[in-house]
Amino acid sequence: MGGRSKGEKAQFNIRMDADLLRRYREYCDKNGLDPQGQVIHFIRRVVHAEYDFQERLWKVLTEGEES
């Protein structure tokens, strides 16, 4: 198995207001962004924030027990 490994593929069917979708596409076009790439970036940030939140919460809870 040589070469670079690729990530797993996922497909989402998301219903949204037509105006919101139009504005999102315009935003991506205006800023030279890949619409799908932006969704992936958002998902990464959500996952990281949740993990970070859980770690911080656990730290606060366990430090509170030591006091």
PDB file of N, CA and C in Angstrom:
ATOM      1  N   MET A   1       0.832  -1.193   0.000  1.00  0.00           N
ATOM      2  CA  MET A   1       0.000   0.000   0.000  1.00  0.00           C
ATOM      3  C   MET A   1       0.869   1.246   0.000  1.00  0.00           C
ATOM      4  N   GLY A   2       1.223   1.706  -1.147  1.00  0.00           N
ATOM      5  CA  GLY A   2       2.071   2.877  -1.233  1.00  0.00           C
ATOM      6  C   GLY A   2       1.262   4.129  -1.473  1.00  0.00           C
ATOM      7  N   GLY A   3       1.939   5.232  -1.429  1.00  0.00           N
ATOM      8  CA  GLY A   3       1.280   6.497  -1.708  1.00  0.00           C
ATOM      9  C   GLY A   3       0.609   7.108  -0.504  1.00  0.00           C
ATOM     10  N   ARG A   4       0.005   8.211  -0.776  1.00  0.00           N
ATOM     11  CA  ARG A   4      -0.671   8.964   0.281  1.00  0.00           C
ATOM     12  C   ARG A   4      -2.057   8.374   0.530  1.00  0.00           C
ATOM     13  N   SER A   5      -2.378   8.173   1.800  1.00  0.00           N
ATOM     14  CA  SER A   5      -3.710   7.649   2.107  1.00  0.00           C
ATOM     15  C   SER A   5      -4.720   8.788   2.025  1.00  0.00           C
ATOM     16  N   LYS A   6      -5.902   8.438   1.583  1.00  0.00           N
ATOM     17  CA  LYS A   6      -6.963   9.433   1.450  1.00  0.00           C
ATOM     18  C   LYS A   6      -7.957   9.262   2.579  1.00  0.00           C
ATOM     19  N   GLY A   7      -8.611  10.334   2.924  1.00  0.00           N
ATOM     20  CA  GLY A   7      -9.621  10.279   3.965  1.00  0.00           C
ATOM     21  C   GLY A   7     -10.862   9.554   3.488  1.00  0.00           C
ATOM     22  N   GLU A   8     -11.648   9.148   4.425  1.00  0.00           N
ATOM     23  CA  GLU A   8     -12.901   8.474   4.119  1.00  0.00           C
ATOM     24  C   GLU A   8     -13.862   9.475   3.492  1.00  0.00           C
ATOM     25  N   LYS A   9     -14.663   9.004   2.556  1.00  0.00           N
ATOM     26  CA  LYS A   9     -15.619   9.889   1.891  1.00  0.00           C
ATOM     27  C   LYS A   9     -16.957   9.852   2.622  1.00  0.00           C
ATOM     28  N   ALA A  10     -17.614  10.983   2.623  1.00  0.00           N
ATOM     29  CA  ALA A  10     -18.952  11.090   3.187  1.00  0.00           C
ATOM     30  C   ALA A  10     -19.764  12.019   2.303  1.00  0.00           C
ATOM     31  N   GLN A  11     -21.022  11.738   2.187  1.00  0.00           N
ATOM     32  CA  GLN A  11     -21.894  12.602   1.410  1.00  0.00           C
ATOM     33  C   GLN A  11     -23.054  13.020   2.298  1.00  0.00           C
ATOM     34  N   PHE A  12     -23.343  14.305   2.306  1.00  0.00           N
ATOM     35  CA  PHE A  12     -24.432  14.839   3.105  1.00  0.00           C
ATOM     36  C   PHE A  12     -25.479  15.457   2.186  1.00  0.00           C
ATOM     37  N   ASN A  13     -26.704  15.225   2.489  1.00  0.00           N
ATOM     38  CA  ASN A  13     -27.806  15.893   1.802  1.00  0.00           C
ATOM     39  C   ASN A  13     -28.418  16.849   2.814  1.00  0.00           C
ATOM     40  N   ILE A  14     -28.160  18.123   2.610  1.00  0.00           N
ATOM     41  CA  ILE A  14     -28.590  19.137   3.565  1.00  0.00           C
ATOM     42  C   ILE A  14     -29.612  20.043   2.896  1.00  0.00           C
ATOM     43  N   ARG A  15     -30.750  20.170   3.523  1.00  0.00           N
ATOM     44  CA  ARG A  15     -31.775  21.075   2.991  1.00  0.00           C
ATOM     45  C   ARG A  15     -31.596  22.434   3.655  1.00  0.00           C
ATOM     46  N   MET A  16     -31.612  23.449   2.816  1.00  0.00           N
ATOM     47  CA  MET A  16     -31.506  24.796   3.358  1.00  0.00           C
ATOM     48  C   MET A  16     -32.261  25.755   2.465  1.00  0.00           C
ATOM     49  N   ASP A  17     -32.492  26.891   2.989  1.00  0.00           N
ATOM     50  CA  ASP A  17     -33.174  27.943   2.260  1.00  0.00           C
ATOM     51  C   ASP A  17     -32.368  28.285   1.003  1.00  0.00           C
ATOM     52  N   ALA A  18     -33.049  28.440  -0.115  1.00  0.00           N
ATOM     53  CA  ALA A  18     -32.377  28.722  -1.388  1.00  0.00           C
ATOM     54  C   ALA A  18     -31.568  30.018  -1.314  1.00  0.00           C
ATOM     55  N   ASP A  19     -32.086  31.027  -0.612  1.00  0.00           N
ATOM     56  CA  ASP A  19     -31.360  32.293  -0.484  1.00  0.00           C
ATOM     57  C   ASP A  19     -30.070  32.116   0.313  1.00  0.00           C
ATOM     58  N   LEU A  20     -30.108  31.307   1.355  1.00  0.00           N
ATOM     59  CA  LEU A  20     -28.915  31.049   2.149  1.00  0.00           C
ATOM     60  C   LEU A  20     -27.856  30.343   1.310  1.00  0.00           C
ATOM     61  N   LEU A  21     -28.268  29.342   0.549  1.00  0.00           N
ATOM     62  CA  LEU A  21     -27.336  28.623  -0.311  1.00  0.00           C
ATOM     63  C   LEU A  21     -26.728  29.559  -1.352  1.00  0.00           C
ATOM     64  N   ARG A  22     -27.538  30.411  -1.952  1.00  0.00           N
ATOM     65  CA  ARG A  22     -27.043  31.375  -2.944  1.00  0.00           C
ATOM     66  C   ARG A  22     -26.020  32.309  -2.323  1.00  0.00           C
ATOM     67  N   ARG A  23     -26.326  32.825  -1.138  1.00  0.00           N
ATOM     68  CA  ARG A  23     -25.404  33.747  -0.475  1.00  0.00           C
ATOM     69  C   ARG A  23     -24.107  33.048  -0.076  1.00  0.00           C
ATOM     70  N   TYR A  24     -24.204  31.785   0.362  1.00  0.00           N
ATOM     71  CA  TYR A  24     -23.010  31.012   0.727  1.00  0.00           C
ATOM     72  C   TYR A  24     -22.120  30.815  -0.488  1.00  0.00           C
ATOM     73  N   ARG A  25     -22.719  30.442  -1.611  1.00  0.00           N
ATOM     74  CA  ARG A  25     -21.943  30.254  -2.843  1.00  0.00           C
ATOM     75  C   ARG A  25     -21.302  31.559  -3.298  1.00  0.00           C
ATOM     76  N   GLU A  26     -22.048  32.658  -3.201  1.00  0.00           N
ATOM     77  CA  GLU A  26     -21.487  33.969  -3.555  1.00  0.00           C
ATOM     78  C   GLU A  26     -20.305  34.315  -2.656  1.00  0.00           C
ATOM     79  N   TYR A  27     -20.448  34.049  -1.367  1.00  0.00           N
ATOM     80  CA  TYR A  27     -19.369  34.315  -0.413  1.00  0.00           C
ATOM     81  C   TYR A  27     -18.119  33.522  -0.774  1.00  0.00           C
ATOM     82  N   CYS A  28     -18.291  32.239  -1.045  1.00  0.00           N
ATOM     83  CA  CYS A  28     -17.148  31.386  -1.408  1.00  0.00           C
ATOM     84  C   CYS A  28     -16.513  31.860  -2.701  1.00  0.00           C
ATOM     85  N   ASP A  29     -17.334  32.178  -3.705  1.00  0.00           N
ATOM     86  CA  ASP A  29     -16.801  32.673  -4.981  1.00  0.00           C
ATOM     87  C   ASP A  29     -16.029  33.973  -4.789  1.00  0.00           C
ATOM     88  N   LYS A  30     -16.605  34.889  -4.026  1.00  0.00           N
ATOM     89  CA  LYS A  30     -15.986  36.202  -3.811  1.00  0.00           C
ATOM     90  C   LYS A  30     -14.642  36.079  -3.099  1.00  0.00           C
ATOM     91  N   ASN A  31     -14.519  35.088  -2.217  1.00  0.00           N
ATOM     92  CA  ASN A  31     -13.301  34.928  -1.427  1.00  0.00           C
ATOM     93  C   ASN A  31     -12.393  33.794  -1.917  1.00  0.00           C
ATOM     94  N   GLY A  32     -12.723  33.228  -3.069  1.00  0.00           N
ATOM     95  CA  GLY A  32     -11.899  32.173  -3.634  1.00  0.00           C
ATOM     96  C   GLY A  32     -11.852  30.918  -2.781  1.00  0.00           C
ATOM     97  N   LEU A  33     -12.968  30.584  -2.155  1.00  0.00           N
ATOM     98  CA  LEU A  33     -13.029  29.431  -1.258  1.00  0.00           C
ATOM     99  C   LEU A  33     -13.759  28.268  -1.909  1.00  0.00           C
ATOM    100  N   ASP A  34     -13.370  27.068  -1.542  1.00  0.00           N
ATOM    101  CA  ASP A  34     -14.043  25.856  -1.988  1.00  0.00           C
ATOM    102  C   ASP A  34     -15.216  25.604  -1.043  1.00  0.00           C
ATOM    103  N   PRO A  35     -16.450  25.605  -1.541  1.00  0.00           N
ATOM    104  CA  PRO A  35     -17.599  25.419  -0.649  1.00  0.00           C
ATOM    105  C   PRO A  35     -17.538  24.137   0.173  1.00  0.00           C
ATOM    106  N   GLN A  36     -17.147  23.018  -0.440  1.00  0.00           N
ATOM    107  CA  GLN A  36     -17.056  21.765   0.302  1.00  0.00           C
ATOM    108  C   GLN A  36     -15.923  21.827   1.322  1.00  0.00           C
ATOM    109  N   GLY A  37     -14.829  22.448   0.954  1.00  0.00           N
ATOM    110  CA  GLY A  37     -13.695  22.583   1.869  1.00  0.00           C
ATOM    111  C   GLY A  37     -14.059  23.389   3.101  1.00  0.00           C
ATOM    112  N   GLN A  38     -14.900  24.395   2.925  1.00  0.00           N
ATOM    113  CA  GLN A  38     -15.323  25.203   4.059  1.00  0.00           C
ATOM    114  C   GLN A  38     -16.180  24.399   5.020  1.00  0.00           C
ATOM    115  N   VAL A  39     -17.013  23.503   4.484  1.00  0.00           N
ATOM    116  CA  VAL A  39     -17.834  22.646   5.341  1.00  0.00           C
ATOM    117  C   VAL A  39     -16.928  21.722   6.148  1.00  0.00           C
ATOM    118  N   ILE A  40     -15.914  21.151   5.495  1.00  0.00           N
ATOM    119  CA  ILE A  40     -14.981  20.272   6.196  1.00  0.00           C
ATOM    120  C   ILE A  40     -14.231  21.033   7.283  1.00  0.00           C
ATOM    121  N   HIS A  41     -13.803  22.247   6.965  1.00  0.00           N
ATOM    122  CA  HIS A  41     -13.111  23.084   7.954  1.00  0.00           C
ATOM    123  C   HIS A  41     -14.027  23.341   9.156  1.00  0.00           C
ATOM    124  N   PHE A  42     -15.288  23.635   8.894  1.00  0.00           N
ATOM    125  CA  PHE A  42     -16.245  23.878   9.964  1.00  0.00           C
ATOM    126  C   PHE A  42     -16.413  22.641  10.843  1.00  0.00           C
ATOM    127  N   ILE A  43     -16.535  21.469  10.205  1.00  0.00           N
ATOM    128  CA  ILE A  43     -16.691  20.227  10.961  1.00  0.00           C
ATOM    129  C   ILE A  43     -15.473  19.999  11.855  1.00  0.00           C
ATOM    130  N   ARG A  44     -14.270  20.239  11.329  1.00  0.00           N
ATOM    131  CA  ARG A  44     -13.056  20.087  12.139  1.00  0.00           C
ATOM    132  C   ARG A  44     -13.091  21.005  13.354  1.00  0.00           C
ATOM    133  N   ARG A  45     -13.515  22.265  13.152  1.00  0.00           N
ATOM    134  CA  ARG A  45     -13.569  23.215  14.260  1.00  0.00           C
ATOM    135  C   ARG A  45     -14.580  22.783  15.315  1.00  0.00           C
ATOM    136  N   VAL A  46     -15.723  22.272  14.876  1.00  0.00           N
ATOM    137  CA  VAL A  46     -16.745  21.804  15.822  1.00  0.00           C
ATOM    138  C   VAL A  46     -16.206  20.639  16.641  1.00  0.00           C
ATOM    139  N   VAL A  47     -15.596  19.667  15.963  1.00  0.00           N
ATOM    140  CA  VAL A  47     -15.059  18.501  16.663  1.00  0.00           C
ATOM    141  C   VAL A  47     -13.972  18.929  17.644  1.00  0.00           C
ATOM    142  N   HIS A  48     -13.081  19.806  17.219  1.00  0.00           N
ATOM    143  CA  HIS A  48     -12.011  20.270  18.103  1.00  0.00           C
ATOM    144  C   HIS A  48     -12.580  21.042  19.300  1.00  0.00           C
ATOM    145  N   ALA A  49     -13.535  21.896  19.053  1.00  0.00           N
ATOM    146  CA  ALA A  49     -14.118  22.694  20.138  1.00  0.00           C
ATOM    147  C   ALA A  49     -14.813  21.791  21.152  1.00  0.00           C
ATOM    148  N   GLU A  50     -15.517  20.774  20.680  1.00  0.00           N
ATOM    149  CA  GLU A  50     -16.200  19.872  21.607  1.00  0.00           C
ATOM    150  C   GLU A  50     -15.171  19.120  22.439  1.00  0.00           C
ATOM    151  N   TYR A  51     -14.128  18.625  21.800  1.00  0.00           N
ATOM    152  CA  TYR A  51     -13.079  17.910  22.513  1.00  0.00           C
ATOM    153  C   TYR A  51     -12.414  18.829  23.534  1.00  0.00           C
ATOM    154  N   ASP A  52     -12.084  20.032  23.103  1.00  0.00           N
ATOM    155  CA  ASP A  52     -11.443  20.996  23.984  1.00  0.00           C
ATOM    156  C   ASP A  52     -12.373  21.331  25.152  1.00  0.00           C
ATOM    157  N   PHE A  53     -13.652  21.506  24.869  1.00  0.00           N
ATOM    158  CA  PHE A  53     -14.620  21.806  25.919  1.00  0.00           C
ATOM    159  C   PHE A  53     -14.677  20.664  26.938  1.00  0.00           C
ATOM    160  N   GLN A  54     -14.737  19.433  26.441  1.00  0.00           N
ATOM    161  CA  GLN A  54     -14.812  18.287  27.336  1.00  0.00           C
ATOM    162  C   GLN A  54     -13.564  18.189  28.207  1.00  0.00           C
ATOM    163  N   GLU A  55     -12.390  18.419  27.621  1.00  0.00           N
ATOM    164  CA  GLU A  55     -11.140  18.377  28.387  1.00  0.00           C
ATOM    165  C   GLU A  55     -11.117  19.456  29.468  1.00  0.00           C
ATOM    166  N   ARG A  56     -11.514  20.656  29.098  1.00  0.00           N
ATOM    167  CA  ARG A  56     -11.524  21.747  30.084  1.00  0.00           C
ATOM    168  C   ARG A  56     -12.539  21.485  31.189  1.00  0.00           C
ATOM    169  N   LEU A  57     -13.700  20.981  30.825  1.00  0.00           N
ATOM    170  CA  LEU A  57     -14.718  20.676  31.822  1.00  0.00           C
ATOM    171  C   LEU A  57     -14.209  19.610  32.787  1.00  0.00           C
ATOM    172  N   TRP A  58     -13.609  18.556  32.256  1.00  0.00           N
ATOM    173  CA  TRP A  58     -13.074  17.491  33.108  1.00  0.00           C
ATOM    174  C   TRP A  58     -12.005  18.039  34.043  1.00  0.00           C
ATOM    175  N   LYS A  59     -11.146  18.908  33.538  1.00  0.00           N
ATOM    176  CA  LYS A  59     -10.082  19.490  34.359  1.00  0.00           C
ATOM    177  C   LYS A  59     -10.676  20.298  35.507  1.00  0.00           C
ATOM    178  N   VAL A  60     -11.680  21.111  35.218  1.00  0.00           N
ATOM    179  CA  VAL A  60     -12.321  21.911  36.261  1.00  0.00           C
ATOM    180  C   VAL A  60     -12.987  21.010  37.298  1.00  0.00           C
ATOM    181  N   LEU A  61     -13.660  19.971  36.836  1.00  0.00           N
ATOM    182  CA  LEU A  61     -14.345  19.073  37.764  1.00  0.00           C
ATOM    183  C   LEU A  61     -13.365  18.310  38.644  1.00  0.00           C
ATOM    184  N   THR A  62     -12.280  17.820  38.055  1.00  0.00           N
ATOM    185  CA  THR A  62     -11.337  17.049  38.855  1.00  0.00           C
ATOM    186  C   THR A  62     -10.492  17.938  39.757  1.00  0.00           C
ATOM    187  N   GLU A  63     -10.188  19.140  39.340  1.00  0.00           N
ATOM    188  CA  GLU A  63      -9.439  20.051  40.206  1.00  0.00           C
ATOM    189  C   GLU A  63     -10.294  20.490  41.377  1.00  0.00           C
ATOM    190  N   GLY A  64     -11.596  20.618  41.139  1.00  0.00           N
ATOM    191  CA  GLY A  64     -12.512  20.995  42.207  1.00  0.00           C
ATOM    192  C   GLY A  64     -12.572  19.935  43.296  1.00  0.00           C
ATOM    193  N   GLU A  65     -12.398  18.672  42.930  1.00  0.00           N
ATOM    194  CA  GLU A  65     -12.443  17.587  43.902  1.00  0.00           C
ATOM    195  C   GLU A  65     -11.203  17.585  44.802  1.00  0.00           C
ATOM    196  N   GLU A  66     -10.073  18.065  44.283  1.00  0.00           N
ATOM    197  CA  GLU A  66      -8.829  18.056  45.040  1.00  0.00           C
ATOM    198  C   GLU A  66      -8.786  19.160  46.088  1.00  0.00           C
ATOM    199  N   SER A  67      -9.567  20.181  45.931  1.00  0.00           N
ATOM    200  CA  SER A  67      -9.537  21.329  46.853  1.00  0.00           C
ATOM    201  C   SER A  67     -10.128  20.997  48.180  1.00  0.00           C
TER     202      SER A  67
END
